[in-house]
Amino acid sequence: MNNTIMFADLEIETPAFVYEEDRILSSIQRLLSQVKTSTGCKILFPLKSFSIATALQLMSHQIDGFSASSLFEAKLARDILGDEKTVHITTPGLRYDEIGEISELCDYISFNSLSQWERCRNNVSDKTSCGLRINPQLLFVKDDRYNPCRKYSKLGVPITTLSDISNNGVKDVKDIKGLHFHTNCESKDFDHLFTTVKHIDVQIPEILRQVKWLNLGGGYLFDDARDLDKLTETVTFLREKYDAEVFFEPGKGIVGKAGYIVSSVVDVFESDGQNIAILDTTVNHMPEVFEYQHQPRISQESEKGKYEYILAGATCLAGDLFGEYTFDEPLEIGSQIVFEEMGAYTMVKAHMFNGVNLPAVYAYTKDGELELKKQFSYEEYVLRCGANEYATV
């Protein structure tokens, strides 16, 4: 597998989102061979990070199931899997009027709060295993926007609350069959995961002894980790001490490096002595670029290049900017720009601000072919605007 796809050599309509089949499968295979085989840990893929159906079908043959965060994600997961494999769900926004349908679709529900559980538990299908999402109250993420354990967190039952319940006997949570937790974001350090598990082990051992399954969540870029030994140690500890089924939910770790946004230059001009290149894509196609305020990597950049440009998006938003880049050759109308490592949280968040169309979706297949999977249309845009028929308001 080549590390860089030469998109200029391929016939592609821009803007485009391209996912690389081989890279997705090789990431999954690394987890299967180094963790699942040795520990029995089950691998779930979270649809919140990436939800292109054709790629999900490709993954479904390798993983144990999907995790969802809404009714629609649960329906998509079940549509892909059929009656086989497993679907998990956890969400702070669980609606009482949806819980019946959700429990028919999902094998495991991790309720986000004790009040959510009490309100919805009697409307859950008998086939569904009920658990709690817990907040271990450990701080590993510096940016509170992405810290699931931030102060006043909305995500999970505080472990101090469960510890108090455990100290008074576990009768108030005796029907809970599993626990789900998530303490990190884009971490390469599995020591944090092991620290979390040991903390939970000390705080609520009685509850751990009663549950049948544990979901470790995600937030770990295992593809960048030098080794997976600490993940293996964590899973082994839990399975040996508590004889529990263990699940792991890597999202960006599987797809992050497997996706690209391919764009073209549509205008070049000077502003206040600085060269500006307008692209046919936008930060609205890559919302995490704007949210995190980071400069994405592009394939064509040259650190020693003598031609400098601000790359800007196609909308009228003044802050629709990707940053300053240098190139060996001057940019021209039609020059191609490829944004790398755009696999996760890109198409799931992309939107049509200014009426700019979404990128077409392509697969770069295992056979080295580029296949168009989805092309968005005016019909889809105008239906979102409330029109009942194509071009008819």
Protein backbone atom coordinates (compact mmCIF):
# COMPACT_ATOMS: atom_id res chain seq x y z
CA MET A 1 0.00 0.00 0.00
CA ASN A 2 1.42 3.39 -1.00
CA ASN A 3 1.51 6.02 1.72
CA THR A 4 0.47 8.76 -0.71
CA ILE A 5 -2.17 8.43 -3.40
CA MET A 6 -1.34 10.40 -6.54
CA PHE A 7 -4.77 11.94 -7.10
CA ALA A 8 -3.50 14.09 -9.94
CA ASP A 9 -3.08 10.86 -11.92
CA LEU A 10 -6.69 9.85 -11.27
CA GLU A 11 -9.87 11.15 -12.87
CA ILE A 12 -11.70 12.84 -10.01
CA GLU A 13 -14.28 15.58 -9.72
CA THR A 14 -13.51 18.06 -6.95
CA PRO A 15 -14.27 18.74 -4.22
CA ALA A 16 -14.12 15.10 -3.25
CA PHE A 17 -13.85 13.00 -0.13
CA VAL A 18 -11.80 9.85 -0.75
CA TYR A 19 -11.49 6.97 1.67
CA GLU A 20 -8.80 4.33 1.29
CA GLU A 21 -10.03 0.77 1.72
CA ASP A 22 -6.65 -0.85 2.34
CA ARG A 23 -5.71 1.61 5.08
CA ILE A 24 -9.00 1.06 6.92
CA LEU A 25 -8.65 -2.71 6.75
CA SER A 26 -5.00 -2.71 7.79
CA SER A 27 -5.82 -0.60 10.88
CA ILE A 28 -8.56 -3.02 11.87
CA GLN A 29 -6.26 -5.97 11.23
CA ARG A 30 -3.63 -4.54 13.57
CA LEU A 31 -6.18 -4.41 16.38
CA LEU A 32 -7.45 -7.89 15.62
CA SER A 33 -4.00 -9.45 15.54
CA GLN A 34 -2.43 -7.61 18.49
CA VAL A 35 -5.38 -7.19 20.86
CA LYS A 36 -8.43 -9.25 19.98
CA THR A 37 -6.53 -12.48 19.33
CA SER A 38 -4.60 -12.29 22.60
CA THR A 39 -7.33 -10.98 24.89
CA GLY A 40 -10.73 -11.71 23.36
CA CYS A 41 -11.59 -8.00 23.40
CA LYS A 42 -14.40 -7.15 20.98
CA ILE A 43 -13.99 -4.28 18.51
CA LEU A 44 -16.81 -1.85 17.77
CA PHE A 45 -16.66 1.00 15.28
CA PRO A 46 -18.43 4.26 16.32
CA LEU A 47 -20.56 5.71 13.55
CA LYS A 48 -20.24 9.22 15.01
CA SER A 49 -16.74 9.43 13.52
CA PHE A 50 -17.49 8.12 10.02
CA SER A 51 -20.71 6.76 8.53
CA ILE A 52 -20.29 6.14 4.79
CA ALA A 53 -22.34 3.02 4.22
CA THR A 54 -20.12 1.33 1.64
CA ALA A 55 -17.09 1.62 3.93
CA LEU A 56 -19.12 0.41 6.91
CA GLN A 57 -20.08 -2.67 4.90
CA LEU A 58 -16.39 -3.26 4.23
CA MET A 59 -15.56 -2.98 7.94
CA SER A 60 -18.49 -5.10 9.08
CA HIS A 61 -16.81 -8.31 7.94
CA GLN A 62 -13.85 -7.65 10.25
CA ILE A 63 -15.24 -6.08 13.43
CA ASP A 64 -17.74 -7.25 16.05
CA GLY A 65 -20.27 -4.48 15.53
CA PHE A 66 -21.00 -0.77 15.65
CA SER A 67 -21.67 1.80 18.33
CA ALA A 68 -24.31 4.48 17.87
CA SER A 69 -25.20 7.80 19.45
CA SER A 70 -28.74 8.30 18.09
CA LEU A 71 -31.74 6.48 16.67
CA PHE A 72 -30.67 7.20 13.09
CA GLU A 73 -27.15 5.86 13.70
CA ALA A 74 -28.63 2.76 15.33
CA LYS A 75 -30.88 2.20 12.31
CA LEU A 76 -27.95 2.61 9.92
CA ALA A 77 -25.85 0.20 11.99
CA ARG A 78 -28.58 -2.43 11.94
CA ASP A 79 -29.23 -1.88 8.23
CA ILE A 80 -25.55 -2.63 7.55
CA LEU A 81 -25.27 -5.60 9.93
CA GLY A 82 -28.67 -7.21 9.44
CA ASP A 83 -29.40 -9.61 12.29
CA GLU A 84 -25.74 -10.43 12.73
CA LYS A 85 -23.23 -8.92 15.14
CA THR A 86 -23.89 -6.29 17.77
CA VAL A 87 -24.98 -2.67 18.12
CA HIS A 88 -24.30 -0.54 21.22
CA ILE A 89 -25.72 2.87 22.00
CA THR A 90 -25.11 5.65 24.51
CA THR A 91 -26.34 9.23 24.30
CA PRO A 92 -27.24 12.00 26.71
CA GLY A 93 -30.15 12.87 24.40
CA LEU A 94 -32.07 9.59 24.66
CA ARG A 95 -35.77 10.28 24.08
CA TYR A 96 -38.47 8.35 25.88
CA ASP A 97 -40.54 8.12 22.68
CA GLU A 98 -37.59 6.46 20.87
CA ILE A 99 -36.37 4.01 23.49
CA GLY A 100 -38.67 1.20 22.38
CA GLU A 101 -37.41 1.30 18.79
CA ILE A 102 -33.82 1.81 19.91
CA SER A 103 -33.94 -1.24 22.16
CA GLU A 104 -35.24 -3.34 19.25
CA LEU A 105 -32.24 -2.23 17.18
CA CYS A 106 -29.52 -2.31 19.87
CA ASP A 107 -28.19 -5.21 21.91
CA TYR A 108 -26.59 -2.96 24.54
CA ILE A 109 -27.73 0.39 25.94
CA SER A 110 -25.49 2.44 28.23
CA PHE A 111 -27.77 4.92 29.98
CA ASN A 112 -26.12 8.29 30.46
CA SER A 113 -27.60 9.09 33.87
CA LEU A 114 -29.47 7.39 36.68
CA SER A 115 -32.55 9.48 35.93
CA GLN A 116 -32.44 8.47 32.25
CA TRP A 117 -32.21 4.83 33.28
CA GLU A 118 -35.08 5.06 35.76
CA ARG A 119 -37.28 6.87 33.24
CA CYS A 120 -36.64 4.56 30.28
CA ARG A 121 -35.71 1.14 31.69
CA ASN A 122 -39.25 -0.28 31.69
CA ASN A 123 -39.63 0.45 27.98
CA VAL A 124 -36.56 -1.57 26.97
CA SER A 125 -36.83 -4.82 25.05
CA ASP A 126 -36.05 -7.99 27.00
CA LYS A 127 -33.25 -8.82 24.55
CA THR A 128 -31.33 -5.62 25.34
CA SER A 129 -28.66 -5.53 28.01
CA CYS A 130 -28.80 -2.35 30.09
CA GLY A 131 -25.71 -0.60 31.42
CA LEU A 132 -24.60 2.78 32.68
CA ARG A 133 -22.17 5.23 31.20
CA ILE A 134 -19.95 6.40 34.05
CA ASN A 135 -17.76 9.47 34.43
CA PRO A 136 -14.50 8.36 36.10
CA GLN A 137 -13.77 12.04 36.86
CA LEU A 138 -10.16 11.79 35.69
CA LEU A 139 -8.74 14.72 33.72
CA PHE A 140 -6.60 13.75 30.74
CA VAL A 141 -7.87 16.23 28.12
CA LYS A 142 -6.77 19.86 28.49
CA ASP A 143 -9.37 21.39 26.17
CA ASP A 144 -12.73 21.26 27.96
CA ARG A 145 -14.60 21.34 24.65
CA TYR A 146 -13.48 17.74 24.12
CA ASN A 147 -13.04 16.59 27.71
CA PRO A 148 -15.72 14.04 28.64
CA CYS A 149 -14.67 14.29 32.29
CA ARG A 150 -14.73 18.09 32.54
CA LYS A 151 -16.28 19.74 35.58
CA TYR A 152 -20.09 19.64 35.42
CA SER A 153 -19.83 17.02 32.68
CA LYS A 154 -23.05 15.93 31.00
CA LEU A 155 -21.50 12.59 30.05
CA GLY A 156 -22.06 9.73 32.44
CA VAL A 157 -22.84 9.09 36.09
CA PRO A 158 -20.09 10.55 38.31
CA ILE A 159 -18.06 7.73 39.82
CA THR A 160 -18.36 9.37 43.24
CA THR A 161 -22.14 8.92 42.99
CA LEU A 162 -21.74 5.23 42.14
CA SER A 163 -19.18 4.83 44.91
CA ASP A 164 -21.72 6.12 47.44
CA ILE A 165 -24.32 3.72 46.08
CA SER A 166 -21.82 0.85 46.24
CA ASN A 167 -20.91 1.63 49.84
CA ASN A 168 -24.59 1.34 50.77
CA GLY A 169 -25.02 -1.93 48.91
CA VAL A 170 -25.71 -2.27 45.19
CA LYS A 171 -29.46 -2.88 45.39
CA ASP A 172 -30.19 0.46 43.65
CA VAL A 173 -28.26 -0.66 40.57
CA LYS A 174 -28.70 -4.42 40.87
CA ASP A 175 -30.23 -4.66 37.37
CA ILE A 176 -27.29 -2.93 35.69
CA LYS A 177 -25.45 -5.45 33.48
CA GLY A 178 -22.62 -3.32 32.13
CA LEU A 179 -20.54 -0.16 32.39
CA HIS A 180 -19.33 2.19 29.67
CA PHE A 181 -16.72 4.91 30.11
CA HIS A 182 -14.77 7.30 27.89
CA THR A 183 -12.06 9.51 29.35
CA ASN A 184 -9.86 10.62 26.47
CA CYS A 185 -9.64 12.36 23.09
CA GLU A 186 -7.02 11.71 20.41
CA SER A 187 -4.59 10.21 22.93
CA LYS A 188 -1.60 8.06 21.94
CA ASP A 189 -1.05 7.02 25.56
CA PHE A 190 -2.78 3.83 26.68
CA ASP A 191 -1.40 4.37 30.17
CA HIS A 192 -4.38 6.71 30.62
CA LEU A 193 -6.76 3.86 29.86
CA PHE A 194 -5.05 1.56 32.36
CA THR A 195 -5.09 4.34 34.98
CA THR A 196 -8.83 4.77 34.39
CA VAL A 197 -9.55 1.08 34.82
CA LYS A 198 -7.51 0.84 38.03
CA HIS A 199 -9.32 3.90 39.37
CA ILE A 200 -12.72 2.34 38.66
CA ASP A 201 -11.51 -0.93 40.19
CA VAL A 202 -10.73 0.87 43.45
CA GLN A 203 -13.86 3.04 43.52
CA ILE A 204 -16.67 0.60 42.64
CA PRO A 205 -15.42 -3.03 42.93
CA GLU A 206 -18.84 -4.32 44.05
CA ILE A 207 -20.52 -2.97 40.93
CA LEU A 208 -17.74 -4.36 38.74
CA ARG A 209 -18.30 -7.78 40.24
CA GLN A 210 -21.96 -7.79 39.26
CA VAL A 211 -21.68 -6.60 35.64
CA LYS A 212 -21.32 -8.86 32.60
CA TRP A 213 -19.73 -6.43 30.16
CA LEU A 214 -17.49 -3.35 30.04
CA ASN A 215 -17.14 -0.85 27.20
CA LEU A 216 -13.81 1.03 27.24
CA GLY A 217 -14.99 3.69 24.79
CA GLY A 218 -12.52 5.26 22.39
CA GLY A 219 -10.46 8.44 22.07
CA TYR A 220 -7.16 6.64 21.41
CA LEU A 221 -5.10 6.96 18.24
CA PHE A 222 -3.73 3.43 18.39
CA ASP A 223 -2.44 3.71 14.83
CA ASP A 224 0.14 6.23 16.11
CA ALA A 225 0.95 4.33 19.30
CA ARG A 226 4.33 2.62 19.32
CA ASP A 227 2.75 -0.52 20.75
CA LEU A 228 -0.55 -1.77 22.09
CA ASP A 229 0.83 -3.56 25.14
CA LYS A 230 -0.96 -1.32 27.64
CA LEU A 231 -4.29 -1.80 25.89
CA THR A 232 -3.72 -5.57 25.99
CA GLU A 233 -2.76 -5.37 29.68
CA THR A 234 -5.92 -3.39 30.46
CA VAL A 235 -8.26 -5.82 28.74
CA THR A 236 -6.51 -8.83 30.27
CA PHE A 237 -6.79 -7.34 33.76
CA LEU A 238 -10.53 -6.80 33.42
CA ARG A 239 -11.29 -10.18 31.88
CA GLU A 240 -9.23 -12.13 34.40
CA LYS A 241 -10.41 -10.28 37.49
CA TYR A 242 -14.08 -9.81 36.62
CA ASP A 243 -14.73 -12.37 33.87
CA ALA A 244 -16.45 -9.63 31.88
CA GLU A 245 -16.98 -9.22 28.15
CA VAL A 246 -14.85 -6.23 27.07
CA PHE A 247 -15.51 -3.88 24.15
CA PHE A 248 -13.27 -1.19 22.64
CA GLU A 249 -14.51 1.60 20.31
CA PRO A 250 -11.71 3.01 18.12
CA GLY A 251 -13.00 5.54 15.60
CA LYS A 252 -10.40 8.02 14.42
CA GLY A 253 -7.72 5.42 15.12
CA ILE A 254 -9.18 3.31 12.29
CA VAL A 255 -10.27 5.89 9.72
CA GLY A 256 -8.37 9.10 10.54
CA LYS A 257 -5.47 8.55 8.15
CA ALA A 258 -7.63 6.76 5.59
CA GLY A 259 -9.50 9.83 4.30
CA TYR A 260 -8.63 12.79 2.09
CA ILE A 261 -10.35 15.93 0.85
CA VAL A 262 -9.26 16.62 -2.73
CA SER A 263 -9.87 20.17 -3.97
CA SER A 264 -9.00 22.48 -6.83
CA VAL A 265 -7.91 26.12 -6.98
CA VAL A 266 -10.68 28.28 -8.50
CA ASP A 267 -9.10 31.73 -8.08
CA VAL A 268 -5.73 33.31 -7.24
CA PHE A 269 -5.19 36.98 -6.35
CA GLU A 270 -3.23 39.32 -4.10
CA SER A 271 -4.61 40.95 -0.94
CA ASP A 272 -2.49 43.38 1.12
CA GLY A 273 0.67 41.93 -0.40
CA GLN A 274 -0.32 38.30 0.31
CA ASN A 275 -1.23 35.71 -2.34
CA ILE A 276 -4.67 34.17 -1.79
CA ALA A 277 -5.78 30.91 -3.41
CA ILE A 278 -9.51 30.16 -3.27
CA LEU A 279 -10.41 26.48 -3.29
CA ASP A 280 -13.61 24.74 -4.32
CA THR A 281 -13.86 23.24 -0.84
CA THR A 282 -14.47 24.99 2.51
CA VAL A 283 -13.91 24.58 6.24
CA ASN A 284 -17.60 23.66 6.29
CA HIS A 285 -16.57 20.41 4.59
CA MET A 286 -14.01 19.90 7.36
CA PRO A 287 -15.63 21.47 10.44
CA GLU A 288 -13.02 20.13 12.87
CA VAL A 289 -10.42 22.34 11.16
CA PHE A 290 -12.46 25.37 12.20
CA GLU A 291 -13.43 23.96 15.62
CA TYR A 292 -9.89 23.05 16.63
CA GLN A 293 -8.33 26.05 14.85
CA HIS A 294 -5.51 23.87 13.53
CA GLN A 295 -3.82 23.93 10.15
CA PRO A 296 -4.42 20.72 8.22
CA ARG A 297 -1.67 18.91 6.35
CA ILE A 298 -1.66 18.99 2.56
CA SER A 299 0.25 16.72 0.19
CA GLN A 300 1.62 19.47 -2.05
CA GLU A 301 3.22 21.65 0.62
CA SER A 302 6.98 22.17 0.50
CA GLU A 303 8.74 23.52 3.59
CA LYS A 304 11.41 25.15 1.44
CA GLY A 305 9.04 26.31 -1.27
CA LYS A 306 9.38 29.92 -2.38
CA TYR A 307 5.72 30.47 -3.34
CA GLU A 308 3.52 31.29 -0.34
CA TYR A 309 -0.28 31.36 -0.31
CA ILE A 310 -3.14 31.61 2.13
CA LEU A 311 -5.47 28.77 1.18
CA ALA A 312 -9.06 29.92 1.59
CA GLY A 313 -12.42 28.24 1.30
CA ALA A 314 -15.19 28.93 -1.20
CA THR A 315 -17.76 30.57 1.12
CA CYS A 316 -18.29 34.19 2.13
CA LEU A 317 -17.31 33.39 5.74
CA ALA A 318 -14.27 35.61 6.44
CA GLY A 319 -12.72 32.92 8.63
CA ASP A 320 -13.09 30.21 5.97
CA LEU A 321 -9.31 29.77 5.89
CA PHE A 322 -6.96 26.79 6.01
CA GLY A 323 -3.72 28.66 6.70
CA GLU A 324 -0.48 29.72 5.02
CA TYR A 325 1.37 27.18 2.88
CA THR A 326 4.47 27.23 0.69
CA PHE A 327 4.90 25.48 -2.66
CA ASP A 328 7.73 24.74 -5.06
CA GLU A 329 5.65 25.92 -8.01
CA PRO A 330 3.12 28.77 -8.25
CA LEU A 331 -0.54 27.81 -7.91
CA GLU A 332 -2.78 28.23 -10.92
CA ILE A 333 -6.48 27.87 -11.63
CA GLY A 334 -7.10 24.12 -11.54
CA SER A 335 -4.11 23.27 -9.33
CA GLN A 336 -4.95 20.37 -7.06
CA ILE A 337 -4.75 20.53 -3.27
CA VAL A 338 -5.08 17.35 -1.18
CA PHE A 339 -5.87 17.57 2.53
CA GLU A 340 -4.55 14.54 4.39
CA GLU A 341 -5.80 12.65 7.47
CA MET A 342 -9.40 13.75 6.96
CA GLY A 343 -11.03 10.36 7.50
CA ALA A 344 -12.72 11.07 10.83
CA TYR A 345 -15.34 13.68 11.74
CA THR A 346 -15.34 15.13 8.23
CA MET A 347 -18.31 13.95 6.18
CA VAL A 348 -20.35 13.28 9.33
CA LYS A 349 -20.09 16.99 10.19
CA ALA A 350 -19.90 18.57 6.72
CA HIS A 351 -22.71 20.93 5.74
CA MET A 352 -23.95 23.09 2.86
CA PHE A 353 -23.44 26.63 4.15
CA ASN A 354 -23.83 29.17 1.30
CA GLY A 355 -25.37 26.37 -0.76
CA VAL A 356 -21.88 25.04 -1.55
CA ASN A 357 -22.34 21.39 -2.47
CA LEU A 358 -20.88 18.61 -0.35
CA PRO A 359 -17.83 16.74 -1.67
CA ALA A 360 -18.48 13.73 -3.87
CA VAL A 361 -17.53 10.50 -2.10
CA TYR A 362 -15.02 8.13 -3.70
CA ALA A 363 -13.44 4.88 -2.56
CA TYR A 364 -9.84 4.15 -3.41
CA THR A 365 -10.30 0.42 -3.61
CA LYS A 366 -8.07 -2.49 -2.62
CA ASP A 367 -7.44 -2.95 -6.35
CA GLY A 368 -6.10 0.58 -6.75
CA GLU A 369 -9.19 1.88 -8.54
CA LEU A 370 -11.12 5.05 -7.79
CA GLU A 371 -14.87 4.37 -7.49
CA LEU A 372 -17.52 7.08 -7.20
CA LYS A 373 -19.84 6.10 -4.33
CA LYS A 374 -22.01 9.19 -3.85
CA GLN A 375 -22.55 12.47 -5.64
CA PHE A 376 -24.73 15.06 -3.92
CA SER A 377 -27.28 17.07 -5.89
CA TYR A 378 -29.39 20.23 -5.90
CA GLU A 379 -32.39 18.04 -5.11
CA GLU A 380 -30.86 17.10 -1.76
CA TYR A 381 -30.05 20.72 -0.98
CA VAL A 382 -33.47 22.09 -1.87
CA LEU A 383 -35.29 19.37 0.09
CA ARG A 384 -33.38 20.50 3.19
CA CYS A 385 -34.68 23.99 2.48
CA GLY A 386 -38.26 22.77 2.78
CA ALA A 387 -39.20 22.37 -0.86
CA ASN A 388 -41.51 19.44 -1.50
CA GLU A 389 -40.41 18.69 -5.04
CA TYR A 390 -37.34 19.23 -7.15
CA ALA A 391 -37.00 22.93 -8.07
CA THR A 392 -40.53 23.62 -6.76
CA VAL A 393 -41.12 25.75 -3.69
